[in-house]
Amino acid sequence: MNSYGIRWLQLFPQHGPGRKHTRQIVLAPWQQVLVERYKWEFFRGCLDSEGSRSRRIVGGKNYPFYSFSNESEDIIDLFKSACDRLGIHYTRPRRNVISIAKRADVTRIDAQLPRKS
């Protein structure tokens, strides 16, 4: 299914010319309402589009973790806000990466967002 029209730009004002990491990405008020209402869905959408679940070997033990990366500071901030709303602890090992590695948080995410097969 396809849909064309100028109105899409009103629904998704963050879309526009140029690279998304070089332009300002701000949620419109109605989008913010949806993000607040559907916290886990927004979080999952971020992970589905720019995130991954991986494993680290530490001291011979295998630990799962989540990672989110994006070049846009605004998008990184949106993901950090989503983590804050859900009470998920994160770190920022690099400028463009957010890492979620605390076992309790990973377990909580796994329970809330079943993995794809």
C-alpha atoms as a PDB file:
ATOM      1  CA  MET A   1       0.000   0.000   0.000  1.00  0.00           C
ATOM      2  CA  ASN A   2       1.276   3.478  -0.848  1.00  0.00           C
ATOM      3  CA  SER A   3       0.102   6.901   0.145  1.00  0.00           C
ATOM      4  CA  TYR A   4       1.197  10.219  -1.287  1.00  0.00           C
ATOM      5  CA  GLY A   5       0.368  13.755  -0.319  1.00  0.00           C
ATOM      6  CA  ILE A   6       1.599  16.994   1.172  1.00  0.00           C
ATOM      7  CA  ARG A   7      -0.317  16.336   4.421  1.00  0.00           C
ATOM      8  CA  TRP A   8       2.197  13.648   5.500  1.00  0.00           C
ATOM      9  CA  LEU A   9       4.676  16.442   6.229  1.00  0.00           C
ATOM     10  CA  GLN A  10       2.177  17.966   8.652  1.00  0.00           C
ATOM     11  CA  LEU A  11       1.744  14.632  10.442  1.00  0.00           C
ATOM     12  CA  PHE A  12       5.492  14.036  10.644  1.00  0.00           C
ATOM     13  CA  PRO A  13       7.103  17.499  10.793  1.00  0.00           C
ATOM     14  CA  GLN A  14      10.540  16.038  11.571  1.00  0.00           C
ATOM     15  CA  HIS A  15      10.780  14.830   7.973  1.00  0.00           C
ATOM     16  CA  GLY A  16      12.335  17.236   5.537  1.00  0.00           C
ATOM     17  CA  PRO A  17      15.267  17.909   3.261  1.00  0.00           C
ATOM     18  CA  GLY A  18      18.801  17.021   4.263  1.00  0.00           C
ATOM     19  CA  ARG A  19      20.262  14.489   6.617  1.00  0.00           C
ATOM     20  CA  LYS A  20      18.247  13.894   9.738  1.00  0.00           C
ATOM     21  CA  HIS A  21      21.295  14.096  12.022  1.00  0.00           C
ATOM     22  CA  THR A  22      22.042  17.629  10.816  1.00  0.00           C
ATOM     23  CA  ARG A  23      18.578  19.094  11.324  1.00  0.00           C
ATOM     24  CA  GLN A  24      16.534  19.611  14.446  1.00  0.00           C
ATOM     25  CA  ILE A  25      14.250  16.719  15.394  1.00  0.00           C
ATOM     26  CA  VAL A  26      11.495  17.812  17.781  1.00  0.00           C
ATOM     27  CA  LEU A  27       8.230  16.075  18.528  1.00  0.00           C
ATOM     28  CA  ALA A  28       5.092  18.082  17.856  1.00  0.00           C
ATOM     29  CA  PRO A  29       2.816  18.429  20.905  1.00  0.00           C
ATOM     30  CA  TRP A  30       0.419  15.751  19.625  1.00  0.00           C
ATOM     31  CA  GLN A  31       3.356  13.384  19.050  1.00  0.00           C
ATOM     32  CA  GLN A  32       4.601  14.005  22.592  1.00  0.00           C
ATOM     33  CA  VAL A  33       1.163  13.046  23.934  1.00  0.00           C
ATOM     34  CA  LEU A  34       1.367   9.732  22.063  1.00  0.00           C
ATOM     35  CA  VAL A  35       4.925   9.072  23.262  1.00  0.00           C
ATOM     36  CA  GLU A  36       3.804   9.656  26.856  1.00  0.00           C
ATOM     37  CA  ARG A  37       0.753   7.423  26.457  1.00  0.00           C
ATOM     38  CA  TYR A  38       2.559   4.604  24.640  1.00  0.00           C
ATOM     39  CA  LYS A  39       5.905   4.560  26.453  1.00  0.00           C
ATOM     40  CA  TRP A  40       6.845   0.958  25.763  1.00  0.00           C
ATOM     41  CA  GLU A  41       5.691   1.122  22.148  1.00  0.00           C
ATOM     42  CA  PHE A  42       7.862   4.178  21.504  1.00  0.00           C
ATOM     43  CA  PHE A  43      10.807   2.522  23.254  1.00  0.00           C
ATOM     44  CA  ARG A  44      10.348  -0.631  21.183  1.00  0.00           C
ATOM     45  CA  GLY A  45      10.106   1.393  17.970  1.00  0.00           C
ATOM     46  CA  CYS A  46      13.424   3.033  18.773  1.00  0.00           C
ATOM     47  CA  LEU A  47      15.072  -0.320  19.426  1.00  0.00           C
ATOM     48  CA  ASP A  48      13.528  -1.870  16.318  1.00  0.00           C
ATOM     49  CA  SER A  49      14.818   0.927  14.104  1.00  0.00           C
ATOM     50  CA  GLU A  50      18.215   1.823  15.584  1.00  0.00           C
ATOM     51  CA  GLY A  51      18.880  -0.665  18.363  1.00  0.00           C
ATOM     52  CA  SER A  52      20.082  -4.183  18.999  1.00  0.00           C
ATOM     53  CA  ARG A  53      20.262  -6.855  21.684  1.00  0.00           C
ATOM     54  CA  SER A  54      23.672  -8.431  22.023  1.00  0.00           C
ATOM     55  CA  ARG A  55      25.849 -10.321  24.489  1.00  0.00           C
ATOM     56  CA  ARG A  56      29.072  -9.436  26.275  1.00  0.00           C
ATOM     57  CA  ILE A  57      31.511 -11.914  27.764  1.00  0.00           C
ATOM     58  CA  VAL A  58      32.698 -10.603  31.145  1.00  0.00           C
ATOM     59  CA  GLY A  59      34.839 -12.804  33.376  1.00  0.00           C
ATOM     60  CA  GLY A  60      33.840 -15.827  31.340  1.00  0.00           C
ATOM     61  CA  LYS A  61      30.117 -15.121  31.801  1.00  0.00           C
ATOM     62  CA  ASN A  62      27.751 -14.218  29.019  1.00  0.00           C
ATOM     63  CA  TYR A  63      25.618 -11.105  29.701  1.00  0.00           C
ATOM     64  CA  PRO A  64      22.915  -9.695  27.407  1.00  0.00           C
ATOM     65  CA  PHE A  65      22.645  -5.950  26.814  1.00  0.00           C
ATOM     66  CA  TYR A  66      20.787  -3.515  24.598  1.00  0.00           C
ATOM     67  CA  SER A  67      22.400  -0.856  22.469  1.00  0.00           C
ATOM     68  CA  PHE A  68      20.912   2.120  20.621  1.00  0.00           C
ATOM     69  CA  SER A  69      22.904   4.234  18.202  1.00  0.00           C
ATOM     70  CA  ASN A  70      22.151   7.268  16.098  1.00  0.00           C
ATOM     71  CA  GLU A  71      24.112  10.232  14.746  1.00  0.00           C
ATOM     72  CA  SER A  72      21.397  12.733  15.681  1.00  0.00           C
ATOM     73  CA  GLU A  73      21.772  14.198  19.165  1.00  0.00           C
ATOM     74  CA  ASP A  74      18.038  14.991  19.123  1.00  0.00           C
ATOM     75  CA  ILE A  75      17.134  11.345  18.441  1.00  0.00           C
ATOM     76  CA  ILE A  76      19.588  10.186  21.117  1.00  0.00           C
ATOM     77  CA  ASP A  77      17.830  12.591  23.512  1.00  0.00           C
ATOM     78  CA  LEU A  78      14.408  11.168  22.575  1.00  0.00           C
ATOM     79  CA  PHE A  79      15.647   7.666  23.370  1.00  0.00           C
ATOM     80  CA  LYS A  80      17.218   8.788  26.648  1.00  0.00           C
ATOM     81  CA  SER A  81      13.898  10.425  27.602  1.00  0.00           C
ATOM     82  CA  ALA A  82      12.093   7.179  26.813  1.00  0.00           C
ATOM     83  CA  CYS A  83      14.492   5.319  29.122  1.00  0.00           C
ATOM     84  CA  ASP A  84      13.965   7.929  31.848  1.00  0.00           C
ATOM     85  CA  ARG A  85      10.159   7.634  31.581  1.00  0.00           C
ATOM     86  CA  LEU A  86      10.427   3.862  31.968  1.00  0.00           C
ATOM     87  CA  GLY A  87      12.995   4.012  34.767  1.00  0.00           C
ATOM     88  CA  ILE A  88      15.625   2.213  32.693  1.00  0.00           C
ATOM     89  CA  HIS A  89      19.255   2.926  33.564  1.00  0.00           C
ATOM     90  CA  TYR A  90      21.531   3.627  30.603  1.00  0.00           C
ATOM     91  CA  THR A  91      25.097   4.700  29.941  1.00  0.00           C
ATOM     92  CA  ARG A  92      26.639   6.504  27.023  1.00  0.00           C
ATOM     93  CA  PRO A  93      29.877   4.726  26.102  1.00  0.00           C
ATOM     94  CA  ARG A  94      30.289   6.785  22.919  1.00  0.00           C
ATOM     95  CA  ARG A  95      28.882  10.028  21.572  1.00  0.00           C
ATOM     96  CA  ASN A  96      26.353   8.246  19.352  1.00  0.00           C
ATOM     97  CA  VAL A  97      25.584   5.139  21.470  1.00  0.00           C
ATOM     98  CA  ILE A  98      23.345   4.408  24.448  1.00  0.00           C
ATOM     99  CA  SER A  99      23.913   1.134  26.299  1.00  0.00           C
ATOM    100  CA  ILE A 100      21.510  -0.659  28.648  1.00  0.00           C
ATOM    101  CA  ALA A 101      23.365  -3.380  30.519  1.00  0.00           C
ATOM    102  CA  LYS A 102      22.062  -3.630  34.085  1.00  0.00           C
ATOM    103  CA  ARG A 103      20.639  -7.124  34.465  1.00  0.00           C
ATOM    104  CA  ALA A 104      17.408  -5.932  36.071  1.00  0.00           C
ATOM    105  CA  ASP A 105      16.772  -3.507  33.194  1.00  0.00           C
ATOM    106  CA  VAL A 106      17.617  -6.069  30.502  1.00  0.00           C
ATOM    107  CA  THR A 107      15.333  -8.615  32.187  1.00  0.00           C
ATOM    108  CA  ARG A 108      12.538  -6.037  32.387  1.00  0.00           C
ATOM    109  CA  ILE A 109      12.910  -5.104  28.717  1.00  0.00           C
ATOM    110  CA  ASP A 110      12.976  -8.780  27.705  1.00  0.00           C
ATOM    111  CA  ALA A 111       9.750  -9.397  29.646  1.00  0.00           C
ATOM    112  CA  GLN A 112       8.030  -6.349  28.136  1.00  0.00           C
ATOM    113  CA  LEU A 113       9.290  -6.713  24.567  1.00  0.00           C
ATOM    114  CA  PRO A 114       9.393 -10.321  23.394  1.00  0.00           C
ATOM    115  CA  ARG A 115      12.293 -10.929  21.045  1.00  0.00           C
ATOM    116  CA  LYS A 116      11.766 -11.561  17.379  1.00  0.00           C
ATOM    117  CA  SER A 117      12.557 -15.021  16.124  1.00  0.00           C
END
